[in-house]
PDB file of N, CA and C in Angstrom:
ATOM      1  N   MET A   1      23.366 -25.195  -6.989  1.00  0.00           N
ATOM      2  CA  MET A   1      22.658 -24.135  -6.317  1.00  0.00           C
ATOM      3  C   MET A   1      21.657 -24.704  -5.316  1.00  0.00           C
ATOM      4  N   LYS A   2      21.044 -25.821  -5.664  1.00  0.00           N
ATOM      5  CA  LYS A   2      20.056 -26.413  -4.772  1.00  0.00           C
ATOM      6  C   LYS A   2      20.713 -26.893  -3.479  1.00  0.00           C
ATOM      7  N   LYS A   3      21.936 -27.403  -3.567  1.00  0.00           N
ATOM      8  CA  LYS A   3      22.651 -27.810  -2.359  1.00  0.00           C
ATOM      9  C   LYS A   3      22.859 -26.623  -1.435  1.00  0.00           C
ATOM     10  N   TRP A   4      23.172 -25.480  -2.035  1.00  0.00           N
ATOM     11  CA  TRP A   4      23.426 -24.282  -1.241  1.00  0.00           C
ATOM     12  C   TRP A   4      22.154 -23.843  -0.513  1.00  0.00           C
ATOM     13  N   PHE A   5      20.999 -23.922  -1.189  1.00  0.00           N
ATOM     14  CA  PHE A   5      19.738 -23.581  -0.549  1.00  0.00           C
ATOM     15  C   PHE A   5      19.434 -24.528   0.599  1.00  0.00           C
ATOM     16  N   ASN A   6      19.635 -25.818   0.371  1.00  0.00           N
ATOM     17  CA  ASN A   6      19.320 -26.794   1.404  1.00  0.00           C
ATOM     18  C   ASN A   6      20.231 -26.669   2.608  1.00  0.00           C
ATOM     19  N   LYS A   7      21.469 -26.241   2.391  1.00  0.00           N
ATOM     20  CA  LYS A   7      22.399 -26.080   3.490  1.00  0.00           C
ATOM     21  C   LYS A   7      22.013 -24.899   4.382  1.00  0.00           C
ATOM     22  N   ILE A   8      21.520 -23.844   3.775  1.00  0.00           N
ATOM     23  CA  ILE A   8      21.226 -22.626   4.520  1.00  0.00           C
ATOM     24  C   ILE A   8      19.879 -22.687   5.232  1.00  0.00           C
ATOM     25  N   GLU A   9      18.862 -23.173   4.574  1.00  0.00           N
ATOM     26  CA  GLU A   9      17.528 -23.084   5.153  1.00  0.00           C
ATOM     27  C   GLU A   9      17.081 -24.394   5.783  1.00  0.00           C
ATOM     28  N   ASP A  10      16.310 -24.248   6.842  1.00  0.00           N
ATOM     29  CA  ASP A  10      15.705 -25.380   7.512  1.00  0.00           C
ATOM     30  C   ASP A  10      14.197 -25.212   7.401  1.00  0.00           C
ATOM     31  N   LYS A  11      13.521 -26.136   6.766  1.00  0.00           N
ATOM     32  CA  LYS A  11      12.088 -25.993   6.522  1.00  0.00           C
ATOM     33  C   LYS A  11      11.277 -26.022   7.811  1.00  0.00           C
ATOM     34  N   ASN A  12      11.800 -26.600   8.846  1.00  0.00           N
ATOM     35  CA  ASN A  12      11.081 -26.703  10.108  1.00  0.00           C
ATOM     36  C   ASN A  12      11.460 -25.599  11.096  1.00  0.00           C
ATOM     37  N   ASP A  13      12.214 -24.628  10.671  1.00  0.00           N
ATOM     38  CA  ASP A  13      12.631 -23.531  11.542  1.00  0.00           C
ATOM     39  C   ASP A  13      11.450 -22.593  11.768  1.00  0.00           C
ATOM     40  N   LYS A  14      10.946 -22.547  12.984  1.00  0.00           N
ATOM     41  CA  LYS A  14       9.771 -21.734  13.299  1.00  0.00           C
ATOM     42  C   LYS A  14      10.128 -20.271  13.549  1.00  0.00           C
ATOM     43  N   THR A  15      11.399 -19.948  13.738  1.00  0.00           N
ATOM     44  CA  THR A  15      11.775 -18.576  14.049  1.00  0.00           C
ATOM     45  C   THR A  15      11.877 -17.707  12.812  1.00  0.00           C
ATOM     46  N   MET A  16      12.169 -18.289  11.666  1.00  0.00           N
ATOM     47  CA  MET A  16      12.316 -17.513  10.427  1.00  0.00           C
ATOM     48  C   MET A  16      11.071 -17.694   9.567  1.00  0.00           C
ATOM     49  N   PRO A  17      10.285 -16.639   9.387  1.00  0.00           N
ATOM     50  CA  PRO A  17       9.076 -16.792   8.561  1.00  0.00           C
ATOM     51  C   PRO A  17       9.380 -16.902   7.064  1.00  0.00           C
ATOM     52  N   LEU A  18      10.501 -16.336   6.605  1.00  0.00           N
ATOM     53  CA  LEU A  18      10.875 -16.398   5.198  1.00  0.00           C
ATOM     54  C   LEU A  18      12.184 -17.155   5.050  1.00  0.00           C
ATOM     55  N   THR A  19      12.273 -17.918   3.977  1.00  0.00           N
ATOM     56  CA  THR A  19      13.497 -18.666   3.704  1.00  0.00           C
ATOM     57  C   THR A  19      14.340 -17.911   2.682  1.00  0.00           C
ATOM     58  N   MET A  20      15.482 -18.466   2.383  1.00  0.00           N
ATOM     59  CA  MET A  20      16.379 -17.837   1.416  1.00  0.00           C
ATOM     60  C   MET A  20      15.730 -17.781   0.030  1.00  0.00           C
ATOM     61  N   ARG A  21      14.954 -18.792  -0.319  1.00  0.00           N
ATOM     62  CA  ARG A  21      14.266 -18.791  -1.613  1.00  0.00           C
ATOM     63  C   ARG A  21      13.271 -17.642  -1.704  1.00  0.00           C
ATOM     64  N   ASN A  22      12.584 -17.360  -0.590  1.00  0.00           N
ATOM     65  CA  ASN A  22      11.661 -16.228  -0.583  1.00  0.00           C
ATOM     66  C   ASN A  22      12.392 -14.928  -0.890  1.00  0.00           C
ATOM     67  N   TYR A  23      13.550 -14.729  -0.287  1.00  0.00           N
ATOM     68  CA  TYR A  23      14.307 -13.505  -0.514  1.00  0.00           C
ATOM     69  C   TYR A  23      14.806 -13.411  -1.953  1.00  0.00           C
ATOM     70  N   VAL A  24      15.209 -14.518  -2.525  1.00  0.00           N
ATOM     71  CA  VAL A  24      15.654 -14.517  -3.925  1.00  0.00           C
ATOM     72  C   VAL A  24      14.482 -14.184  -4.845  1.00  0.00           C
ATOM     73  N   LEU A  25      13.317 -14.776  -4.590  1.00  0.00           N
ATOM     74  CA  LEU A  25      12.138 -14.475  -5.393  1.00  0.00           C
ATOM     75  C   LEU A  25      11.709 -13.020  -5.229  1.00  0.00           C
ATOM     76  N   MET A  26      11.863 -12.479  -4.029  1.00  0.00           N
ATOM     77  CA  MET A  26      11.540 -11.070  -3.814  1.00  0.00           C
ATOM     78  C   MET A  26      12.484 -10.163  -4.596  1.00  0.00           C
ATOM     79  N   LEU A  27      13.744 -10.529  -4.687  1.00  0.00           N
ATOM     80  CA  LEU A  27      14.691  -9.746  -5.494  1.00  0.00           C
ATOM     81  C   LEU A  27      14.334  -9.803  -6.978  1.00  0.00           C
ATOM     82  N   VAL A  28      13.899 -10.958  -7.445  1.00  0.00           N
ATOM     83  CA  VAL A  28      13.482 -11.088  -8.850  1.00  0.00           C
ATOM     84  C   VAL A  28      12.264 -10.200  -9.107  1.00  0.00           C
ATOM     85  N   GLY A  29      11.303 -10.218  -8.200  1.00  0.00           N
ATOM     86  CA  GLY A  29      10.125  -9.371  -8.347  1.00  0.00           C
ATOM     87  C   GLY A  29      10.480  -7.896  -8.334  1.00  0.00           C
ATOM     88  N   ALA A  30      11.403  -7.502  -7.467  1.00  0.00           N
ATOM     89  CA  ALA A  30      11.832  -6.099  -7.429  1.00  0.00           C
ATOM     90  C   ALA A  30      12.530  -5.708  -8.729  1.00  0.00           C
ATOM     91  N   ALA A  31      13.299  -6.618  -9.293  1.00  0.00           N
ATOM     92  CA  ALA A  31      13.971  -6.331 -10.563  1.00  0.00           C
ATOM     93  C   ALA A  31      12.958  -6.150 -11.696  1.00  0.00           C
ATOM     94  N   VAL A  32      11.882  -6.933 -11.687  1.00  0.00           N
ATOM     95  CA  VAL A  32      10.842  -6.795 -12.709  1.00  0.00           C
ATOM     96  C   VAL A  32      10.129  -5.448 -12.551  1.00  0.00           C
ATOM     97  N   ILE A  33       9.876  -5.030 -11.317  1.00  0.00           N
ATOM     98  CA  ILE A  33       9.237  -3.732 -11.066  1.00  0.00           C
ATOM     99  C   ILE A  33      10.130  -2.598 -11.557  1.00  0.00           C
ATOM    100  N   VAL A  34      11.412  -2.670 -11.230  1.00  0.00           N
ATOM    101  CA  VAL A  34      12.351  -1.631 -11.673  1.00  0.00           C
ATOM    102  C   VAL A  34      12.432  -1.597 -13.198  1.00  0.00           C
ATOM    103  N   LEU A  35      12.458  -2.759 -13.829  1.00  0.00           N
ATOM    104  CA  LEU A  35      12.478  -2.815 -15.292  1.00  0.00           C
ATOM    105  C   LEU A  35      11.232  -2.154 -15.882  1.00  0.00           C
ATOM    106  N   GLY A  36      10.076  -2.380 -15.271  1.00  0.00           N
ATOM    107  CA  GLY A  36       8.852  -1.744 -15.737  1.00  0.00           C
ATOM    108  C   GLY A  36       8.919  -0.233 -15.636  1.00  0.00           C
ATOM    109  N   PHE A  37       9.457   0.282 -14.529  1.00  0.00           N
ATOM    110  CA  PHE A  37       9.570   1.735 -14.389  1.00  0.00           C
ATOM    111  C   PHE A  37      10.616   2.320 -15.337  1.00  0.00           C
ATOM    112  N   VAL A  38      11.664   1.590 -15.604  1.00  0.00           N
ATOM    113  CA  VAL A  38      12.667   2.070 -16.566  1.00  0.00           C
ATOM    114  C   VAL A  38      12.061   2.133 -17.965  1.00  0.00           C
ATOM    115  N   LEU A  39      11.285   1.131 -18.336  1.00  0.00           N
ATOM    116  CA  LEU A  39      10.635   1.139 -19.648  1.00  0.00           C
ATOM    117  C   LEU A  39       9.595   2.261 -19.752  1.00  0.00           C
ATOM    118  N   MET A  40       9.028   2.651 -18.623  1.00  0.00           N
ATOM    119  CA  MET A  40       8.019   3.701 -18.619  1.00  0.00           C
ATOM    120  C   MET A  40       8.632   5.105 -18.711  1.00  0.00           C
ATOM    121  N   SER A  41       9.875   5.245 -18.371  1.00  0.00           N
ATOM    122  CA  SER A  41      10.492   6.566 -18.304  1.00  0.00           C
ATOM    123  C   SER A  41      10.889   7.076 -19.690  1.00  0.00           C
ATOM    124  N   GLY A  42      11.250   8.339 -19.734  1.00  0.00           N
ATOM    125  CA  GLY A  42      11.706   8.953 -20.976  1.00  0.00           C
ATOM    126  C   GLY A  42      10.596   9.611 -21.746  1.00  0.00           C
ATOM    127  N   GLY A  43      10.944  10.135 -22.895  1.00  0.00           N
ATOM    128  CA  GLY A  43       9.959  10.757 -23.762  1.00  0.00           C
ATOM    129  C   GLY A  43       9.788  12.241 -23.557  1.00  0.00           C
ATOM    130  N   GLY A  44      10.452  12.796 -22.560  1.00  0.00           N
ATOM    131  CA  GLY A  44      10.335  14.223 -22.316  1.00  0.00           C
ATOM    132  C   GLY A  44      11.255  15.018 -23.227  1.00  0.00           C
ATOM    133  N   GLU A  45      10.904  16.254 -23.460  1.00  0.00           N
ATOM    134  CA  GLU A  45      11.696  17.136 -24.308  1.00  0.00           C
ATOM    135  C   GLU A  45      12.322  18.238 -23.468  1.00  0.00           C
ATOM    136  N   ALA A  46      13.388  18.813 -23.991  1.00  0.00           N
ATOM    137  CA  ALA A  46      14.090  19.878 -23.275  1.00  0.00           C
ATOM    138  C   ALA A  46      13.259  21.149 -23.213  1.00  0.00           C
ATOM    139  N   THR A  47      12.495  21.412 -24.249  1.00  0.00           N
ATOM    140  CA  THR A  47      11.664  22.615 -24.273  1.00  0.00           C
ATOM    141  C   THR A  47      10.196  22.218 -24.290  1.00  0.00           C
ATOM    142  N   PRO A  48       9.353  22.953 -23.582  1.00  0.00           N
ATOM    143  CA  PRO A  48       7.931  22.578 -23.549  1.00  0.00           C
ATOM    144  C   PRO A  48       7.186  22.880 -24.843  1.00  0.00           C
ATOM    145  N   GLU A  49       7.791  23.632 -25.755  1.00  0.00           N
ATOM    146  CA  GLU A  49       7.125  23.945 -27.020  1.00  0.00           C
ATOM    147  C   GLU A  49       7.086  22.749 -27.971  1.00  0.00           C
ATOM    148  N   GLU A  50       8.005  21.824 -27.809  1.00  0.00           N
ATOM    149  CA  GLU A  50       8.070  20.647 -28.677  1.00  0.00           C
ATOM    150  C   GLU A  50       7.251  19.510 -28.071  1.00  0.00           C
ATOM    151  N   PHE A  51       6.544  18.800 -28.916  1.00  0.00           N
ATOM    152  CA  PHE A  51       5.772  17.642 -28.468  1.00  0.00           C
ATOM    153  C   PHE A  51       6.005  16.496 -29.438  1.00  0.00           C
ATOM    154  N   HIS A  52       6.323  15.361 -28.876  1.00  0.00           N
ATOM    155  CA  HIS A  52       6.537  14.165 -29.688  1.00  0.00           C
ATOM    156  C   HIS A  52       5.575  13.081 -29.225  1.00  0.00           C
ATOM    157  N   TYR A  53       5.026  12.377 -30.166  1.00  0.00           N
ATOM    158  CA  TYR A  53       4.078  11.311 -29.845  1.00  0.00           C
ATOM    159  C   TYR A  53       4.770  10.044 -29.367  1.00  0.00           C
ATOM    160  N   GLU A  54       6.061  10.096 -29.180  1.00  0.00           N
ATOM    161  CA  GLU A  54       6.803   8.946 -28.671  1.00  0.00           C
ATOM    162  C   GLU A  54       6.347   8.568 -27.256  1.00  0.00           C
ATOM    163  N   ILE A  55       5.800   9.525 -26.535  1.00  0.00           N
ATOM    164  CA  ILE A  55       5.334   9.258 -25.180  1.00  0.00           C
ATOM    165  C   ILE A  55       4.162   8.279 -25.169  1.00  0.00           C
ATOM    166  N   PHE A  56       3.442   8.160 -26.281  1.00  0.00           N
ATOM    167  CA  PHE A  56       2.310   7.253 -26.367  1.00  0.00           C
ATOM    168  C   PHE A  56       2.681   5.937 -27.048  1.00  0.00           C
ATOM    169  N   SER A  57       3.909   5.510 -26.920  1.00  0.00           N
ATOM    170  CA  SER A  57       4.329   4.269 -27.569  1.00  0.00           C
ATOM    171  C   SER A  57       3.758   3.054 -26.828  1.00  0.00           C
ATOM    172  N   TRP A  58       3.726   1.923 -27.503  1.00  0.00           N
ATOM    173  CA  TRP A  58       3.218   0.680 -26.934  1.00  0.00           C
ATOM    174  C   TRP A  58       4.019   0.265 -25.712  1.00  0.00           C
ATOM    175  N   ARG A  59       5.308   0.543 -25.746  1.00  0.00           N
ATOM    176  CA  ARG A  59       6.180   0.165 -24.637  1.00  0.00           C
ATOM    177  C   ARG A  59       5.790   0.901 -23.355  1.00  0.00           C
ATOM    178  N   ARG A  60       5.501   2.188 -23.463  1.00  0.00           N
ATOM    179  CA  ARG A  60       5.188   2.983 -22.278  1.00  0.00           C
ATOM    180  C   ARG A  60       3.744   2.823 -21.812  1.00  0.00           C
ATOM    181  N   ILE A  61       2.834   2.622 -22.721  1.00  0.00           N
ATOM    182  CA  ILE A  61       1.421   2.571 -22.375  1.00  0.00           C
ATOM    183  C   ILE A  61       0.973   1.159 -21.983  1.00  0.00           C
ATOM    184  N   THR A  62       1.557   0.135 -22.583  1.00  0.00           N
ATOM    185  CA  THR A  62       1.067  -1.227 -22.361  1.00  0.00           C
ATOM    186  C   THR A  62       2.081  -2.111 -21.638  1.00  0.00           C
ATOM    187  N   LEU A  63       3.251  -2.234 -22.193  1.00  0.00           N
ATOM    188  CA  LEU A  63       4.233  -3.190 -21.676  1.00  0.00           C
ATOM    189  C   LEU A  63       4.707  -2.838 -20.270  1.00  0.00           C
ATOM    190  N   ALA A  64       5.086  -1.597 -20.038  1.00  0.00           N
ATOM    191  CA  ALA A  64       5.637  -1.202 -18.743  1.00  0.00           C
ATOM    192  C   ALA A  64       4.634  -1.370 -17.603  1.00  0.00           C
ATOM    193  N   PRO A  65       3.384  -0.922 -17.727  1.00  0.00           N
ATOM    194  CA  PRO A  65       2.436  -1.156 -16.627  1.00  0.00           C
ATOM    195  C   PRO A  65       2.158  -2.633 -16.365  1.00  0.00           C
ATOM    196  N   ILE A  66       2.156  -3.442 -17.425  1.00  0.00           N
ATOM    197  CA  ILE A  66       1.955  -4.884 -17.232  1.00  0.00           C
ATOM    198  C   ILE A  66       3.113  -5.466 -16.430  1.00  0.00           C
ATOM    199  N   LEU A  67       4.337  -5.053 -16.741  1.00  0.00           N
ATOM    200  CA  LEU A  67       5.495  -5.540 -15.990  1.00  0.00           C
ATOM    201  C   LEU A  67       5.452  -5.101 -14.527  1.00  0.00           C
ATOM    202  N   VAL A  68       5.046  -3.867 -14.277  1.00  0.00           N
ATOM    203  CA  VAL A  68       4.982  -3.381 -12.893  1.00  0.00           C
ATOM    204  C   VAL A  68       3.937  -4.160 -12.097  1.00  0.00           C
ATOM    205  N   VAL A  69       2.762  -4.344 -12.657  1.00  0.00           N
ATOM    206  CA  VAL A  69       1.707  -5.084 -11.952  1.00  0.00           C
ATOM    207  C   VAL A  69       2.113  -6.544 -11.765  1.00  0.00           C
ATOM    208  N   ALA A  70       2.730  -7.142 -12.781  1.00  0.00           N
ATOM    209  CA  ALA A  70       3.198  -8.527 -12.656  1.00  0.00           C
ATOM    210  C   ALA A  70       4.284  -8.641 -11.596  1.00  0.00           C
ATOM    211  N   GLY A  71       5.155  -7.644 -11.516  1.00  0.00           N
ATOM    212  CA  GLY A  71       6.199  -7.651 -10.484  1.00  0.00           C
ATOM    213  C   GLY A  71       5.615  -7.586  -9.090  1.00  0.00           C
ATOM    214  N   PHE A  72       4.594  -6.734  -8.889  1.00  0.00           N
ATOM    215  CA  PHE A  72       3.958  -6.663  -7.567  1.00  0.00           C
ATOM    216  C   PHE A  72       3.211  -7.949  -7.239  1.00  0.00           C
ATOM    217  N   ALA A  73       2.566  -8.547  -8.217  1.00  0.00           N
ATOM    218  CA  ALA A  73       1.898  -9.837  -7.981  1.00  0.00           C
ATOM    219  C   ALA A  73       2.918 -10.920  -7.632  1.00  0.00           C
ATOM    220  N   PHE A  74       4.066 -10.896  -8.301  1.00  0.00           N
ATOM    221  CA  PHE A  74       5.114 -11.868  -8.002  1.00  0.00           C
ATOM    222  C   PHE A  74       5.690 -11.632  -6.604  1.00  0.00           C
ATOM    223  N   GLU A  75       5.768 -10.380  -6.178  1.00  0.00           N
ATOM    224  CA  GLU A  75       6.230 -10.065  -4.820  1.00  0.00           C
ATOM    225  C   GLU A  75       5.278 -10.664  -3.783  1.00  0.00           C
ATOM    226  N   ILE A  76       3.984 -10.549  -4.018  1.00  0.00           N
ATOM    227  CA  ILE A  76       3.009 -11.124  -3.090  1.00  0.00           C
ATOM    228  C   ILE A  76       3.174 -12.638  -3.032  1.00  0.00           C
ATOM    229  N   TYR A  77       3.349 -13.267  -4.176  1.00  0.00           N
ATOM    230  CA  TYR A  77       3.593 -14.716  -4.217  1.00  0.00           C
ATOM    231  C   TYR A  77       4.867 -15.079  -3.450  1.00  0.00           C
ATOM    232  N   ALA A  78       5.921 -14.282  -3.650  1.00  0.00           N
ATOM    233  CA  ALA A  78       7.207 -14.587  -3.008  1.00  0.00           C
ATOM    234  C   ALA A  78       7.122 -14.479  -1.487  1.00  0.00           C
ATOM    235  N   VAL A  79       6.319 -13.578  -1.002  1.00  0.00           N
ATOM    236  CA  VAL A  79       6.189 -13.429   0.449  1.00  0.00           C
ATOM    237  C   VAL A  79       5.302 -14.520   1.027  1.00  0.00           C
ATOM    238  N   LEU A  80       4.230 -14.879   0.350  1.00  0.00           N
ATOM    239  CA  LEU A  80       3.267 -15.823   0.909  1.00  0.00           C
ATOM    240  C   LEU A  80       3.641 -17.287   0.699  1.00  0.00           C
ATOM    241  N   LYS A  81       4.480 -17.598  -0.280  1.00  0.00           N
ATOM    242  CA  LYS A  81       4.853 -18.995  -0.559  1.00  0.00           C
ATOM    243  C   LYS A  81       5.740 -19.532   0.543  1.00  0.00           C
ATOM    244  N   ARG A  82       5.385 -20.677   1.072  1.00  0.00           N
ATOM    245  CA  ARG A  82       6.185 -21.316   2.119  1.00  0.00           C
ATOM    246  C   ARG A  82       6.953 -22.466   1.494  1.00  0.00           C
ATOM    247  N   PHE A  83       8.264 -22.379   1.509  1.00  0.00           N
ATOM    248  CA  PHE A  83       9.106 -23.429   0.934  1.00  0.00           C
ATOM    249  C   PHE A  83       9.539 -24.397   1.998  1.00  0.00           C
TER     250      PHE A  83
END
């Protein structure tokens, strides 16, 4: 895989501000953000008369927001890192 990266990108290319590695890291960050939103979803009921405390689970309240914020922080790193 490293050979493939070296073949495609030129570190001294002044016309391209982002390299292929930046784009791959940005895709990883986007996947982490999407995973966080998927973990945050659900918990709704078909009728408004029913209420379940499943909406206040650790996964939705703690884990998912941490993943979303970490994904956005990783996106910033992926854009600013110069390879």
